[in-house]
Every structure is written in structure tokens, then in C-alpha cells.
N, C-alpha and C. Protein backbone atom coordinates (compact mmCIF):
# COMPACT_ATOMS: atom_id res chain seq x y z
N MET A 1 1.56 19.31 3.03
CA MET A 1 2.41 18.26 3.55
C MET A 1 2.16 16.96 2.80
N LEU A 2 0.96 16.75 2.31
CA LEU A 2 0.66 15.53 1.56
C LEU A 2 1.46 15.48 0.26
N THR A 3 1.59 16.62 -0.39
CA THR A 3 2.37 16.66 -1.63
C THR A 3 3.83 16.31 -1.36
N HIS A 4 4.37 16.85 -0.29
CA HIS A 4 5.76 16.53 0.06
C HIS A 4 5.93 15.04 0.33
N THR A 5 4.94 14.46 0.99
CA THR A 5 5.01 13.04 1.33
C THR A 5 4.96 12.17 0.08
N VAL A 6 4.07 12.49 -0.83
CA VAL A 6 3.94 11.69 -2.06
C VAL A 6 5.20 11.81 -2.91
N VAL A 7 5.72 13.02 -3.04
CA VAL A 7 6.94 13.22 -3.83
C VAL A 7 8.11 12.49 -3.19
N ALA A 8 8.21 12.53 -1.87
CA ALA A 8 9.30 11.83 -1.18
C ALA A 8 9.17 10.32 -1.33
N MET A 9 7.95 9.82 -1.25
CA MET A 9 7.74 8.38 -1.40
C MET A 9 8.11 7.90 -2.80
N LEU A 10 7.68 8.63 -3.81
CA LEU A 10 8.01 8.25 -5.19
C LEU A 10 9.51 8.41 -5.47
N SER A 11 10.11 9.45 -4.93
CA SER A 11 11.55 9.63 -5.11
C SER A 11 12.33 8.50 -4.44
N GLY A 12 11.89 8.10 -3.26
CA GLY A 12 12.54 6.99 -2.58
C GLY A 12 12.39 5.69 -3.35
N ALA A 13 11.24 5.48 -3.97
CA ALA A 13 11.04 4.26 -4.76
C ALA A 13 11.95 4.24 -5.98
N VAL A 14 12.11 5.37 -6.62
CA VAL A 14 13.01 5.45 -7.78
C VAL A 14 14.45 5.20 -7.34
N LEU A 15 14.85 5.80 -6.23
CA LEU A 15 16.20 5.57 -5.72
C LEU A 15 16.40 4.13 -5.30
N GLY A 16 15.38 3.51 -4.75
CA GLY A 16 15.48 2.11 -4.35
C GLY A 16 15.61 1.16 -5.52
N LEU A 17 15.04 1.52 -6.65
CA LEU A 17 15.16 0.69 -7.84
C LEU A 17 16.56 0.72 -8.43
N ARG A 18 17.25 1.84 -8.29
CA ARG A 18 18.50 2.02 -9.00
C ARG A 18 19.77 2.00 -8.15
N TYR A 19 19.71 2.42 -6.89
CA TYR A 19 20.92 2.66 -6.11
C TYR A 19 20.95 1.84 -4.83
N LYS A 20 22.13 1.81 -4.22
CA LYS A 20 22.30 1.14 -2.93
C LYS A 20 21.87 2.09 -1.81
N VAL A 21 21.89 1.61 -0.59
CA VAL A 21 21.36 2.34 0.55
C VAL A 21 22.15 3.61 0.86
N LEU A 22 23.37 3.71 0.44
CA LEU A 22 24.19 4.89 0.73
C LEU A 22 23.66 6.15 0.05
N ILE A 23 22.80 6.01 -0.93
CA ILE A 23 22.23 7.17 -1.61
C ILE A 23 21.22 7.89 -0.71
N LEU A 24 20.76 7.23 0.35
CA LEU A 24 19.75 7.84 1.21
C LEU A 24 20.28 9.05 1.98
N ALA A 25 21.55 9.04 2.36
CA ALA A 25 22.09 10.17 3.14
C ALA A 25 22.03 11.48 2.35
N PRO A 26 22.58 11.55 1.13
CA PRO A 26 22.44 12.81 0.39
C PRO A 26 21.01 13.11 -0.02
N ALA A 27 20.21 12.09 -0.26
CA ALA A 27 18.81 12.32 -0.64
C ALA A 27 18.03 12.92 0.52
N ILE A 28 18.29 12.45 1.73
CA ILE A 28 17.60 13.01 2.89
C ILE A 28 18.04 14.45 3.13
N MET A 29 19.33 14.72 2.98
CA MET A 29 19.81 16.10 3.16
C MET A 29 19.18 17.04 2.13
N PHE A 30 19.09 16.58 0.89
CA PHE A 30 18.46 17.39 -0.15
C PHE A 30 16.98 17.61 0.16
N ALA A 31 16.30 16.58 0.63
CA ALA A 31 14.88 16.70 0.95
C ALA A 31 14.66 17.66 2.11
N LEU A 32 15.52 17.62 3.11
CA LEU A 32 15.36 18.52 4.25
C LEU A 32 15.60 19.97 3.86
N VAL A 33 16.58 20.21 2.99
CA VAL A 33 16.81 21.57 2.50
C VAL A 33 15.60 22.03 1.68
N PHE A 34 15.03 21.13 0.91
CA PHE A 34 13.85 21.44 0.11
C PHE A 34 12.66 21.79 1.01
N VAL A 35 12.46 21.03 2.07
CA VAL A 35 11.34 21.28 2.98
C VAL A 35 11.51 22.61 3.70
N VAL A 36 12.72 22.89 4.17
CA VAL A 36 12.97 24.16 4.86
C VAL A 36 12.77 25.34 3.91
N GLY A 37 13.16 25.17 2.67
CA GLY A 37 12.99 26.24 1.69
C GLY A 37 11.54 26.53 1.36
N LEU A 38 10.69 25.52 1.40
CA LEU A 38 9.28 25.71 1.07
C LEU A 38 8.43 26.16 2.25
N ALA A 39 8.85 25.85 3.45
CA ALA A 39 8.04 26.16 4.64
C ALA A 39 8.54 27.44 5.30
N ARG A 40 8.35 28.56 4.66
CA ARG A 40 8.86 29.82 5.19
C ARG A 40 8.02 30.37 6.33
N GLU A 41 6.72 30.28 6.24
CA GLU A 41 5.85 30.89 7.24
C GLU A 41 5.32 29.90 8.26
N ALA A 42 5.74 28.67 8.19
CA ALA A 42 5.25 27.66 9.14
C ALA A 42 5.99 27.81 10.46
N GLY A 43 5.33 27.38 11.51
CA GLY A 43 5.95 27.39 12.82
C GLY A 43 7.02 26.31 12.93
N ILE A 44 7.80 26.39 13.98
CA ILE A 44 8.91 25.45 14.15
C ILE A 44 8.43 24.02 14.32
N TRP A 45 7.28 23.82 14.98
CA TRP A 45 6.79 22.46 15.19
C TRP A 45 6.23 21.86 13.90
N TRP A 46 5.58 22.68 13.07
CA TRP A 46 5.10 22.18 11.78
C TRP A 46 6.26 21.85 10.86
N LEU A 47 7.30 22.65 10.93
CA LEU A 47 8.50 22.39 10.13
C LEU A 47 9.17 21.10 10.58
N ALA A 48 9.27 20.90 11.88
CA ALA A 48 9.87 19.66 12.40
C ALA A 48 9.03 18.45 12.01
N LEU A 49 7.71 18.57 12.10
CA LEU A 49 6.83 17.47 11.71
C LEU A 49 6.97 17.17 10.22
N ASP A 50 7.04 18.20 9.41
CA ASP A 50 7.19 18.01 7.97
C ASP A 50 8.53 17.34 7.65
N MET A 51 9.57 17.70 8.37
CA MET A 51 10.88 17.07 8.16
C MET A 51 10.85 15.58 8.50
N VAL A 52 10.20 15.25 9.60
CA VAL A 52 10.11 13.85 10.01
C VAL A 52 9.28 13.05 9.02
N VAL A 53 8.17 13.61 8.59
CA VAL A 53 7.29 12.91 7.65
C VAL A 53 7.98 12.70 6.30
N VAL A 54 8.66 13.71 5.80
CA VAL A 54 9.33 13.57 4.50
C VAL A 54 10.48 12.58 4.59
N THR A 55 11.24 12.61 5.67
CA THR A 55 12.35 11.67 5.83
C THR A 55 11.83 10.24 5.93
N THR A 56 10.76 10.03 6.67
CA THR A 56 10.18 8.70 6.80
C THR A 56 9.60 8.22 5.47
N ALA A 57 8.93 9.10 4.75
CA ALA A 57 8.37 8.72 3.45
C ALA A 57 9.46 8.37 2.45
N LEU A 58 10.56 9.09 2.49
CA LEU A 58 11.68 8.79 1.60
C LEU A 58 12.26 7.42 1.91
N GLN A 59 12.41 7.10 3.17
CA GLN A 59 12.95 5.80 3.56
C GLN A 59 11.99 4.66 3.24
N LEU A 60 10.70 4.88 3.47
CA LEU A 60 9.72 3.84 3.13
C LEU A 60 9.62 3.63 1.63
N GLY A 61 9.70 4.72 0.87
CA GLY A 61 9.72 4.59 -0.58
C GLY A 61 10.94 3.84 -1.06
N TYR A 62 12.09 4.10 -0.45
CA TYR A 62 13.30 3.38 -0.80
C TYR A 62 13.15 1.89 -0.50
N LEU A 63 12.56 1.59 0.65
CA LEU A 63 12.34 0.20 1.03
C LEU A 63 11.44 -0.51 0.01
N GLY A 64 10.37 0.15 -0.40
CA GLY A 64 9.48 -0.44 -1.39
C GLY A 64 10.14 -0.60 -2.75
N GLY A 65 10.91 0.39 -3.16
CA GLY A 65 11.60 0.30 -4.44
C GLY A 65 12.67 -0.77 -4.46
N SER A 66 13.41 -0.91 -3.38
CA SER A 66 14.43 -1.95 -3.33
C SER A 66 13.80 -3.34 -3.24
N ALA A 67 12.64 -3.45 -2.57
CA ALA A 67 11.94 -4.74 -2.54
C ALA A 67 11.43 -5.10 -3.93
N LEU A 68 10.96 -4.11 -4.66
CA LEU A 68 10.50 -4.36 -6.02
C LEU A 68 11.67 -4.78 -6.92
N ALA A 69 12.82 -4.14 -6.75
CA ALA A 69 14.00 -4.51 -7.54
C ALA A 69 14.46 -5.92 -7.21
N ALA A 70 14.42 -6.29 -5.93
CA ALA A 70 14.82 -7.64 -5.53
C ALA A 70 13.84 -8.67 -6.08
N ALA A 71 12.56 -8.38 -6.04
CA ALA A 71 11.57 -9.32 -6.57
C ALA A 71 11.71 -9.46 -8.08
N ARG A 72 12.02 -8.35 -8.74
CA ARG A 72 12.19 -8.40 -10.19
C ARG A 72 13.41 -9.23 -10.57
N SER A 73 14.51 -9.08 -9.83
CA SER A 73 15.70 -9.86 -10.15
C SER A 73 15.51 -11.33 -9.77
N ALA A 74 14.74 -11.60 -8.72
CA ALA A 74 14.45 -13.00 -8.36
C ALA A 74 13.57 -13.65 -9.42
N ALA A 75 12.64 -12.91 -9.98
CA ALA A 75 11.79 -13.46 -11.03
C ALA A 75 12.60 -13.75 -12.29
N LYS A 76 13.56 -12.90 -12.58
CA LYS A 76 14.42 -13.15 -13.73
C LYS A 76 15.26 -14.40 -13.52
N LEU A 77 15.73 -14.62 -12.30
CA LEU A 77 16.51 -15.81 -11.97
C LEU A 77 15.63 -17.06 -12.03
N CYS A 78 14.43 -16.95 -11.51
CA CYS A 78 13.54 -18.10 -11.42
C CYS A 78 13.07 -18.57 -12.80
N TYR A 79 12.73 -17.61 -13.64
CA TYR A 79 12.21 -17.97 -14.95
C TYR A 79 13.28 -18.03 -16.02
N GLY A 80 14.52 -17.74 -15.67
CA GLY A 80 15.62 -17.85 -16.61
C GLY A 80 15.58 -16.84 -17.72
N VAL A 81 15.05 -15.68 -17.46
CA VAL A 81 14.97 -14.64 -18.46
C VAL A 81 16.35 -13.98 -18.59
N ASN A 82 16.83 -13.89 -19.80
CA ASN A 82 18.12 -13.25 -20.05
C ASN A 82 17.95 -11.75 -19.95
N SER A 83 18.81 -11.10 -19.20
CA SER A 83 18.68 -9.65 -19.01
C SER A 83 18.99 -8.87 -20.27
N ALA A 84 19.72 -9.46 -21.21
CA ALA A 84 20.03 -8.76 -22.45
C ALA A 84 18.83 -8.70 -23.38
N SER A 85 17.89 -9.62 -23.24
CA SER A 85 16.72 -9.63 -24.12
C SER A 85 15.62 -8.73 -23.64
N SER A 86 15.64 -8.29 -22.37
CA SER A 86 14.55 -7.45 -21.87
C SER A 86 14.94 -6.01 -21.78
């Protein structure tokens, strides 16, 4: 479950850097299909817990990635860095 959480968190951060919030719906659906596909012998409660943890990690990763993107764009505005030169 830790591996799923880390992958979901990093995936959410990458999505947060590049896309708007509407990308979360298909990303969550893909993550849930991925979790169900990997958890074949787990009980229903472990599967439900894994689904909740992965969905939450994806959303928190998205939040962190979008905050990083906002801070990066604010720094470019503040310091007057031209986006074409970087």
C-alpha cells in the first residue's frame, strides 16, 4: 500500500504542475482501476482502504503540485523573469 501511495502522490504532483483540476476525475478513475487490478487476493475492506488512501494521496499530490506551480509563476512575476528565456 505504501508503494501505491507514493506513486499516487507523485502522479498527483505531476498533474498539478501541468493541468487544471478537471484532470483529477479521469486520474482518480484510472487509479481506482489500477488498485482493483493489483489487489486480487485482498479482502474487501483492505481494497476499500487502499482505494481511499490512493485517492487521497492523488488529491494531496495534486494540491502540492499546483501550489508549487503557483509559487513558481508568482516568483517569475515578482522577479520579472521572462518565460521565454527559461
